[in-house]
C-alpha atoms as a PDB file:
ATOM      1  CA  MET A   1     -25.784 -60.453 -54.811  1.00  0.00           C
ATOM      2  CA  LEU A   2     -24.672 -63.929 -55.894  1.00  0.00           C
ATOM      3  CA  ARG A   3     -23.400 -64.649 -52.367  1.00  0.00           C
ATOM      4  CA  LEU A   4     -26.767 -63.635 -50.895  1.00  0.00           C
ATOM      5  CA  LEU A   5     -28.611 -65.836 -53.395  1.00  0.00           C
ATOM      6  CA  ALA A   6     -26.364 -68.805 -52.622  1.00  0.00           C
ATOM      7  CA  ALA A   7     -26.944 -68.324 -48.889  1.00  0.00           C
ATOM      8  CA  ALA A   8     -30.702 -68.233 -49.457  1.00  0.00           C
ATOM      9  CA  VAL A   9     -30.559 -71.460 -51.465  1.00  0.00           C
ATOM     10  CA  ILE A  10     -28.617 -73.157 -48.658  1.00  0.00           C
ATOM     11  CA  ILE A  11     -31.089 -71.958 -46.021  1.00  0.00           C
ATOM     12  CA  LEU A  12     -34.076 -73.142 -48.080  1.00  0.00           C
ATOM     13  CA  THR A  13     -32.645 -76.535 -48.982  1.00  0.00           C
ATOM     14  CA  MET A  14     -31.265 -77.604 -45.607  1.00  0.00           C
ATOM     15  CA  PRO A  15     -34.665 -78.401 -44.017  1.00  0.00           C
ATOM     16  CA  MET A  16     -35.663 -80.486 -47.033  1.00  0.00           C
ATOM     17  CA  GLN A  17     -32.386 -82.436 -46.939  1.00  0.00           C
ATOM     18  CA  SER A  18     -32.753 -82.978 -43.210  1.00  0.00           C
ATOM     19  CA  PHE A  19     -36.328 -84.140 -43.623  1.00  0.00           C
ATOM     20  CA  GLU A  20     -35.419 -86.557 -46.414  1.00  0.00           C
ATOM     21  CA  ALA A  21     -32.696 -88.050 -44.221  1.00  0.00           C
ATOM     22  CA  SER A  22     -35.023 -88.348 -41.256  1.00  0.00           C
ATOM     23  CA  VAL A  23     -37.612 -90.213 -43.354  1.00  0.00           C
ATOM     24  CA  LYS A  24     -34.996 -92.788 -44.293  1.00  0.00           C
ATOM     25  CA  GLU A  25     -33.981 -93.121 -40.644  1.00  0.00           C
ATOM     26  CA  MET A  26     -37.628 -93.565 -39.577  1.00  0.00           C
ATOM     27  CA  PRO A  27     -38.419 -90.640 -37.233  1.00  0.00           C
ATOM     28  CA  PHE A  28     -40.888 -92.857 -35.392  1.00  0.00           C
ATOM     29  CA  ASP A  29     -41.191 -96.199 -33.629  1.00  0.00           C
ATOM     30  CA  PHE A  30     -43.835 -98.798 -34.426  1.00  0.00           C
ATOM     31  CA  ASN A  31     -44.134-101.658 -31.943  1.00  0.00           C
ATOM     32  CA  VAL A  32     -46.541-104.508 -31.262  1.00  0.00           C
ATOM     33  CA  LYS A  33     -47.019-105.527 -27.628  1.00  0.00           C
ATOM     34  CA  PRO A  34     -49.117-108.673 -27.014  1.00  0.00           C
ATOM     35  CA  GLN A  35     -50.417-109.481 -23.523  1.00  0.00           C
ATOM     36  CA  ALA A  36     -51.894-112.941 -23.008  1.00  0.00           C
ATOM     37  CA  GLY A  37     -54.837-113.436 -20.674  1.00  0.00           C
ATOM     38  CA  GLN A  38     -56.550-116.718 -19.935  1.00  0.00           C
ATOM     39  CA  GLU A  39     -59.111-116.308 -22.705  1.00  0.00           C
ATOM     40  CA  THR A  40     -58.077-113.225 -24.657  1.00  0.00           C
ATOM     41  CA  LEU A  41     -54.893-111.922 -26.227  1.00  0.00           C
ATOM     42  CA  LYS A  42     -54.672-108.140 -25.925  1.00  0.00           C
ATOM     43  CA  ILE A  43     -52.527-106.626 -28.667  1.00  0.00           C
ATOM     44  CA  ASP A  44     -51.358-103.024 -28.348  1.00  0.00           C
ATOM     45  CA  LEU A  45     -49.931-101.258 -31.404  1.00  0.00           C
ATOM     46  CA  LEU A  46     -47.820 -98.240 -30.491  1.00  0.00           C
ATOM     47  CA  LEU A  47     -46.864 -95.556 -33.030  1.00  0.00           C
ATOM     48  CA  ARG A  48     -44.513 -93.044 -31.360  1.00  0.00           C
ATOM     49  CA  ASN A  49     -43.129 -89.838 -32.839  1.00  0.00           C
ATOM     50  CA  LYS A  50     -39.473 -89.574 -31.825  1.00  0.00           C
ATOM     51  CA  ALA A  51     -38.754 -86.526 -34.019  1.00  0.00           C
ATOM     52  CA  ASN A  52     -38.828 -82.874 -32.924  1.00  0.00           C
ATOM     53  CA  TYR A  53     -41.522 -81.980 -35.467  1.00  0.00           C
ATOM     54  CA  PRO A  54     -45.095 -83.218 -36.124  1.00  0.00           C
ATOM     55  CA  LEU A  55     -45.597 -86.298 -38.270  1.00  0.00           C
ATOM     56  CA  SER A  56     -48.559 -86.757 -40.581  1.00  0.00           C
ATOM     57  CA  PHE A  57     -49.240 -90.348 -41.673  1.00  0.00           C
ATOM     58  CA  GLU A  58     -51.398 -90.860 -44.765  1.00  0.00           C
ATOM     59  CA  PHE A  59     -53.287 -94.107 -45.400  1.00  0.00           C
ATOM     60  CA  GLY A  60     -55.128 -95.273 -48.512  1.00  0.00           C
ATOM     61  CA  SER A  61     -58.100 -96.548 -46.508  1.00  0.00           C
ATOM     62  CA  SER A  62     -59.431 -96.761 -42.955  1.00  0.00           C
ATOM     63  CA  GLN A  63     -57.254 -99.825 -42.392  1.00  0.00           C
ATOM     64  CA  PHE A  64     -54.245 -98.407 -40.560  1.00  0.00           C
ATOM     65  CA  TYR A  65     -52.461-101.671 -39.767  1.00  0.00           C
ATOM     66  CA  GLU A  66     -52.492-105.417 -40.223  1.00  0.00           C
ATOM     67  CA  VAL A  67     -51.884-107.889 -37.404  1.00  0.00           C
ATOM     68  CA  GLU A  68     -51.246-111.565 -38.085  1.00  0.00           C
ATOM     69  CA  ILE A  69     -50.521-114.397 -35.656  1.00  0.00           C
ATOM     70  CA  PHE A  70     -48.641-117.561 -36.557  1.00  0.00           C
ATOM     71  CA  THR A  71     -47.777-120.867 -34.938  1.00  0.00           C
ATOM     72  CA  GLN A  72     -44.121-121.856 -34.606  1.00  0.00           C
ATOM     73  CA  LYS A  73     -44.616-123.921 -37.781  1.00  0.00           C
ATOM     74  CA  GLY A  74     -45.794-120.864 -39.730  1.00  0.00           C
ATOM     75  CA  GLU A  75     -49.531-121.549 -39.843  1.00  0.00           C
ATOM     76  CA  LYS A  76     -51.563-118.334 -39.717  1.00  0.00           C
ATOM     77  CA  VAL A  77     -54.244-118.508 -37.032  1.00  0.00           C
ATOM     78  CA  TYR A  78     -55.384-114.869 -36.871  1.00  0.00           C
ATOM     79  CA  SER A  79     -55.678-111.828 -39.129  1.00  0.00           C
ATOM     80  CA  SER A  80     -56.994-108.488 -37.858  1.00  0.00           C
ATOM     81  CA  SER A  81     -58.546-107.650 -41.243  1.00  0.00           C
ATOM     82  CA  GLU A  82     -60.337-110.934 -41.850  1.00  0.00           C
ATOM     83  CA  GLY A  83     -64.080-110.453 -42.216  1.00  0.00           C
ATOM     84  CA  LYS A  84     -63.871-106.663 -41.922  1.00  0.00           C
ATOM     85  CA  ALA A  85     -64.732-103.931 -44.428  1.00  0.00           C
ATOM     86  CA  PHE A  86     -62.706-100.713 -44.620  1.00  0.00           C
ATOM     87  CA  LEU A  87     -63.554 -97.282 -45.982  1.00  0.00           C
ATOM     88  CA  GLN A  88     -61.691 -96.801 -49.253  1.00  0.00           C
ATOM     89  CA  ALA A  89     -60.720 -93.165 -48.813  1.00  0.00           C
ATOM     90  CA  ILE A  90     -57.560 -91.348 -47.808  1.00  0.00           C
ATOM     91  CA  GLN A  91     -57.156 -91.128 -44.033  1.00  0.00           C
ATOM     92  CA  THR A  92     -54.616 -89.011 -42.136  1.00  0.00           C
ATOM     93  CA  ILE A  93     -53.270 -89.384 -38.609  1.00  0.00           C
ATOM     94  CA  ALA A  94     -51.129 -86.637 -37.026  1.00  0.00           C
ATOM     95  CA  VAL A  95     -48.737 -87.410 -34.172  1.00  0.00           C
ATOM     96  CA  ASN A  96     -46.960 -84.593 -32.328  1.00  0.00           C
ATOM     97  CA  PRO A  97     -43.358 -84.796 -31.094  1.00  0.00           C
ATOM     98  CA  ASP A  98     -42.910 -87.179 -28.128  1.00  0.00           C
ATOM     99  CA  ASP A  99     -46.556 -88.223 -28.515  1.00  0.00           C
ATOM    100  CA  SER A 100     -48.025 -91.600 -29.476  1.00  0.00           C
ATOM    101  CA  LYS A 101     -50.983 -93.166 -31.225  1.00  0.00           C
ATOM    102  CA  VAL A 102     -52.156 -96.458 -29.732  1.00  0.00           C
ATOM    103  CA  TRP A 103     -54.458 -99.051 -31.291  1.00  0.00           C
ATOM    104  CA  GLU A 104     -55.753-102.187 -29.582  1.00  0.00           C
ATOM    105  CA  GLU A 105     -56.736-105.540 -31.026  1.00  0.00           C
ATOM    106  CA  GLN A 106     -58.108-108.585 -29.202  1.00  0.00           C
ATOM    107  CA  TRP A 107     -58.124-112.256 -30.122  1.00  0.00           C
ATOM    108  CA  ASP A 108     -60.142-114.968 -28.371  1.00  0.00           C
ATOM    109  CA  TYR A 109     -57.630-117.734 -29.242  1.00  0.00           C
ATOM    110  CA  ARG A 110     -60.054-119.305 -31.691  1.00  0.00           C
ATOM    111  CA  HIS A 111     -59.145-120.494 -35.163  1.00  0.00           C
ATOM    112  CA  LYS A 112     -61.610-122.240 -37.458  1.00  0.00           C
ATOM    113  CA  GLY A 113     -64.104-122.418 -34.606  1.00  0.00           C
ATOM    114  CA  LYS A 114     -61.764-124.052 -32.080  1.00  0.00           C
ATOM    115  CA  ARG A 115     -59.395-122.759 -29.433  1.00  0.00           C
ATOM    116  CA  VAL A 116     -55.767-123.045 -30.513  1.00  0.00           C
ATOM    117  CA  GLN A 117     -53.364-125.232 -28.590  1.00  0.00           C
ATOM    118  CA  GLU A 118     -51.297-123.922 -25.721  1.00  0.00           C
ATOM    119  CA  GLY A 119     -47.845-122.777 -26.755  1.00  0.00           C
ATOM    120  CA  GLU A 120     -45.607-120.092 -28.243  1.00  0.00           C
ATOM    121  CA  TYR A 121     -46.976-117.945 -31.075  1.00  0.00           C
ATOM    122  CA  ILE A 122     -45.553-115.169 -33.247  1.00  0.00           C
ATOM    123  CA  VAL A 123     -47.411-111.847 -33.533  1.00  0.00           C
ATOM    124  CA  LYS A 124     -46.547-109.747 -36.589  1.00  0.00           C
ATOM    125  CA  ALA A 125     -47.811-106.206 -37.185  1.00  0.00           C
ATOM    126  CA  ARG A 126     -47.425-103.931 -40.194  1.00  0.00           C
ATOM    127  CA  LEU A 127     -48.199-100.205 -40.397  1.00  0.00           C
ATOM    128  CA  LEU A 128     -50.031 -99.515 -43.671  1.00  0.00           C
ATOM    129  CA  ALA A 129     -49.180 -95.822 -44.067  1.00  0.00           C
ATOM    130  CA  SER A 130     -48.363 -94.897 -47.658  1.00  0.00           C
ATOM    131  CA  ASN A 131     -46.953 -91.405 -47.061  1.00  0.00           C
ATOM    132  CA  LEU A 132     -45.238 -89.538 -44.241  1.00  0.00           C
ATOM    133  CA  ASN A 133     -45.413 -85.727 -44.270  1.00  0.00           C
ATOM    134  CA  GLY A 134     -46.174 -85.862 -47.980  1.00  0.00           C
ATOM    135  CA  LYS A 135     -43.286 -88.178 -48.817  1.00  0.00           C
ATOM    136  CA  LYS A 136     -43.793 -91.772 -49.922  1.00  0.00           C
ATOM    137  CA  LEU A 137     -42.833 -94.479 -47.442  1.00  0.00           C
ATOM    138  CA  GLU A 138     -40.882 -96.960 -49.511  1.00  0.00           C
ATOM    139  CA  THR A 139     -41.345 -99.785 -46.981  1.00  0.00           C
ATOM    140  CA  LYS A 140     -44.140-100.606 -44.566  1.00  0.00           C
ATOM    141  CA  PRO A 141     -42.823-100.479 -40.974  1.00  0.00           C
ATOM    142  CA  GLU A 142     -43.154-103.839 -39.225  1.00  0.00           C
ATOM    143  CA  SER A 143     -42.892-105.185 -35.693  1.00  0.00           C
ATOM    144  CA  GLU A 144     -42.805-108.726 -34.326  1.00  0.00           C
ATOM    145  CA  ALA A 145     -43.135-110.298 -30.878  1.00  0.00           C
ATOM    146  CA  SER A 146     -43.499-113.735 -29.324  1.00  0.00           C
ATOM    147  CA  VAL A 147     -46.246-114.600 -26.861  1.00  0.00           C
ATOM    148  CA  TYR A 148     -47.119-117.734 -24.905  1.00  0.00           C
ATOM    149  CA  ILE A 149     -50.807-118.603 -25.141  1.00  0.00           C
ATOM    150  CA  PRO A 150     -52.073-120.609 -22.146  1.00  0.00           C
ATOM    151  CA  GLY A 151     -54.352-123.591 -22.245  1.00  0.00           C
ATOM    152  CA  PRO A 152     -57.954-123.340 -20.995  1.00  0.00           C
ATOM    153  CA  ASN A 153     -58.294-123.007 -17.222  1.00  0.00           C
ATOM    154  CA  PRO A 154     -60.116-126.033 -15.706  1.00  0.00           C
ATOM    155  CA  SER A 155     -61.689-123.990 -12.883  1.00  0.00           C
ATOM    156  CA  PHE A 156     -62.388-120.447 -14.148  1.00  0.00           C
ATOM    157  CA  SER A 157     -63.731-118.917 -17.348  1.00  0.00           C
ATOM    158  CA  GLN A 158     -65.658-116.074 -19.028  1.00  0.00           C
ATOM    159  CA  ALA A 159     -64.592-113.255 -16.690  1.00  0.00           C
ATOM    160  CA  LYS A 160     -66.110-109.843 -17.462  1.00  0.00           C
ATOM    161  CA  VAL A 161     -65.161-106.599 -15.707  1.00  0.00           C
ATOM    162  CA  SER A 162     -67.127-103.372 -15.332  1.00  0.00           C
ATOM    163  CA  GLY A 163     -66.204-100.170 -13.508  1.00  0.00           C
ATOM    164  CA  GLY A 164     -62.923 -98.351 -12.977  1.00  0.00           C
ATOM    165  CA  ASN A 165     -60.831 -96.075 -10.760  1.00  0.00           C
ATOM    166  CA  GLY A 166     -60.881 -98.548  -7.871  1.00  0.00           C
ATOM    167  CA  GLU A 167     -64.501 -99.715  -8.126  1.00  0.00           C
ATOM    168  CA  TYR A 168     -65.000-102.956 -10.052  1.00  0.00           C
ATOM    169  CA  ILE A 169     -67.593-105.674 -10.479  1.00  0.00           C
ATOM    170  CA  ILE A 170     -66.350-108.984 -11.845  1.00  0.00           C
ATOM    171  CA  LEU A 171     -68.665-111.650 -13.241  1.00  0.00           C
ATOM    172  CA  PHE A 172     -67.211-115.063 -14.017  1.00  0.00           C
ATOM    173  CA  LYS A 173     -67.908-118.774 -14.142  1.00  0.00           C
ATOM    174  CA  ALA A 174     -66.152-121.282 -11.924  1.00  0.00           C
ATOM    175  CA  ARG A 175     -66.205-124.909 -10.823  1.00  0.00           C
ATOM    176  CA  PRO A 176     -63.713-125.094  -7.931  1.00  0.00           C
ATOM    177  CA  LYS A 177     -63.744-128.776  -7.004  1.00  0.00           C
ATOM    178  CA  SER A 178     -61.511-128.077  -4.004  1.00  0.00           C
ATOM    179  CA  GLY A 179     -64.483-126.477  -2.230  1.00  0.00           C
ATOM    180  CA  LYS A 180     -63.184-122.920  -2.185  1.00  0.00           C
ATOM    181  CA  LEU A 181     -61.846-120.259  -4.464  1.00  0.00           C
ATOM    182  CA  TRP A 182     -59.496-117.474  -3.432  1.00  0.00           C
ATOM    183  CA  TYR A 183     -58.637-114.089  -4.873  1.00  0.00           C
ATOM    184  CA  THR A 184     -56.224-111.184  -4.414  1.00  0.00           C
ATOM    185  CA  VAL A 185     -55.639-107.921  -6.295  1.00  0.00           C
ATOM    186  CA  GLU A 186     -52.207-106.498  -7.110  1.00  0.00           C
ATOM    187  CA  ASP A 187     -50.502-104.087  -9.507  1.00  0.00           C
ATOM    188  CA  GLY A 188     -47.395-106.121 -10.257  1.00  0.00           C
ATOM    189  CA  HIS A 189     -45.498-104.624  -7.328  1.00  0.00           C
ATOM    190  CA  ASN A 190     -47.947-104.165  -4.462  1.00  0.00           C
ATOM    191  CA  GLU A 191     -50.845-106.165  -3.067  1.00  0.00           C
ATOM    192  CA  LEU A 192     -53.928-103.920  -3.257  1.00  0.00           C
ATOM    193  CA  GLN A 193     -56.454-106.434  -1.895  1.00  0.00           C
ATOM    194  CA  SER A 194     -55.429-109.093   0.609  1.00  0.00           C
ATOM    195  CA  GLU A 195     -56.467-112.687   0.082  1.00  0.00           C
ATOM    196  CA  LYS A 196     -60.147-113.509   0.435  1.00  0.00           C
ATOM    197  CA  SER A 197     -61.994-116.794  -0.068  1.00  0.00           C
ATOM    198  CA  ILE A 198     -65.404-117.922  -1.279  1.00  0.00           C
ATOM    199  CA  VAL A 199     -66.959-121.290  -0.442  1.00  0.00           C
ATOM    200  CA  ALA A 200     -67.985-122.758  -3.765  1.00  0.00           C
ATOM    201  CA  SER A 201     -67.716-126.463  -4.489  1.00  0.00           C
ATOM    202  CA  SER A 202     -69.185-127.711  -7.743  1.00  0.00           C
ATOM    203  CA  ASN A 203     -68.547-130.160 -10.565  1.00  0.00           C
ATOM    204  CA  ASP A 204     -70.541-127.915 -12.916  1.00  0.00           C
ATOM    205  CA  TRP A 205     -69.874-124.380 -14.092  1.00  0.00           C
ATOM    206  CA  LYS A 206     -71.671-121.774 -11.966  1.00  0.00           C
ATOM    207  CA  SER A 207     -71.820-117.981 -12.122  1.00  0.00           C
ATOM    208  CA  PHE A 208     -70.106-115.821  -9.509  1.00  0.00           C
ATOM    209  CA  ARG A 209     -69.908-112.114  -8.777  1.00  0.00           C
ATOM    210  CA  ILE A 210     -67.183-110.228  -6.907  1.00  0.00           C
ATOM    211  CA  LYS A 211     -67.198-106.534  -6.016  1.00  0.00           C
ATOM    212  CA  ILE A 212     -63.795-104.894  -5.477  1.00  0.00           C
ATOM    213  CA  SER A 213     -63.377-101.464  -3.855  1.00  0.00           C
ATOM    214  CA  LEU A 214     -59.894 -99.954  -3.747  1.00  0.00           C
ATOM    215  CA  PRO A 215     -58.801 -96.438  -2.689  1.00  0.00           C
ATOM    216  CA  SER A 216     -58.402 -94.414  -5.889  1.00  0.00           C
ATOM    217  CA  GLU A 217     -55.013 -93.136  -4.681  1.00  0.00           C
ATOM    218  CA  ASN A 218     -53.729 -96.736  -4.757  1.00  0.00           C
ATOM    219  CA  ILE A 219     -54.459 -97.126  -8.485  1.00  0.00           C
ATOM    220  CA  PRO A 220     -51.165 -96.768 -10.404  1.00  0.00           C
ATOM    221  CA  GLU A 221     -50.996 -93.957 -12.966  1.00  0.00           C
ATOM    222  CA  ASN A 222     -48.904 -96.150 -15.242  1.00  0.00           C
ATOM    223  CA  GLY A 223     -49.596 -99.796 -14.589  1.00  0.00           C
ATOM    224  CA  THR A 224     -52.098-102.617 -14.508  1.00  0.00           C
ATOM    225  CA  VAL A 225     -54.480-103.685 -11.750  1.00  0.00           C
ATOM    226  CA  VAL A 226     -54.980-107.454 -11.803  1.00  0.00           C
ATOM    227  CA  LEU A 227     -57.411-109.733  -9.961  1.00  0.00           C
ATOM    228  CA  HIS A 228     -55.989-113.203  -9.366  1.00  0.00           C
ATOM    229  CA  LEU A 229     -58.528-116.023  -8.961  1.00  0.00           C
ATOM    230  CA  TYR A 230     -57.192-119.398  -7.869  1.00  0.00           C
ATOM    231  CA  GLU A 231     -57.709-122.647  -6.002  1.00  0.00           C
ATOM    232  CA  LYS A 232     -55.402-124.365  -3.514  1.00  0.00           C
ATOM    233  CA  ASP A 233     -54.324-127.964  -3.308  1.00  0.00           C
ATOM    234  CA  GLU A 234     -54.217-130.096  -0.148  1.00  0.00           C
ATOM    235  CA  ASP A 235     -50.857-128.579   0.814  1.00  0.00           C
ATOM    236  CA  GLY A 236     -52.169-125.034   0.458  1.00  0.00           C
ATOM    237  CA  ASP A 237     -50.250-124.321  -2.768  1.00  0.00           C
ATOM    238  CA  ILE A 238     -51.899-122.174  -5.442  1.00  0.00           C
ATOM    239  CA  MET A 239     -53.257-123.977  -8.496  1.00  0.00           C
ATOM    240  CA  ASN A 240     -55.375-123.112 -11.554  1.00  0.00           C
ATOM    241  CA  SER A 241     -54.454-119.421 -11.267  1.00  0.00           C
ATOM    242  CA  TYR A 242     -56.649-117.171 -13.435  1.00  0.00           C
ATOM    243  CA  PRO A 243     -55.578-113.507 -13.839  1.00  0.00           C
ATOM    244  CA  VAL A 244     -58.194-110.893 -14.756  1.00  0.00           C
ATOM    245  CA  ILE A 245     -57.148-107.371 -15.789  1.00  0.00           C
ATOM    246  CA  LEU A 246     -59.298-104.833 -13.916  1.00  0.00           C
ATOM    247  CA  GLU A 247     -57.677-101.684 -15.235  1.00  0.00           C
ATOM    248  CA  SER A 248     -54.664-100.758 -17.358  1.00  0.00           C
ATOM    249  CA  ASN A 249     -53.157 -97.244 -17.522  1.00  0.00           C
END
């Protein structure tokens, strides 16, 4: 009888011991992935369950994370929570094995009403979960990445994209002093739209509209479709390149 009882105790306690160990080893990944555009920094926050059991993250409010961006000298130029109000109530997010939760933040490169200078910046993210599967998280998981923020483009600005799955309309402002602007579309590996040009010479900013139609089977399942706007110098070399994300999967 005592042997049976001891065996039962071992069977009941092993999962708890294993779970406690896995909490200390962090059974998940939390990563920040910044992607710099000409006028906007896209910040993806990826919470991935790498355990073989579901994870339940508990938060003290509707603020699930904090993102901060710093100059190389340590000056903070962006905070994802600044100026926002959050629901002060317990929130829970469940993530299944091999599954992920993704959040997205965007920053327009402005700090105190002005665009920040071109250069290298540090993006820091912190997951604000207080408990994991009912157990307290002693430390807040953090992630950090560097990103190079470009200066303002002298020829293109304010691009806006509508549509998807191969059909896109792009509105933007331009002042191509060379007399023409060119564009192509690619997915990082393949050219999806060959080079086309538009006659457009102006010293002032003017509005333009481009319609792109691509076969849906050419859209990558896991990748990014990018429109490249640019001018050319007298030698035919590309200058003032301005990438616009059309779709990201």
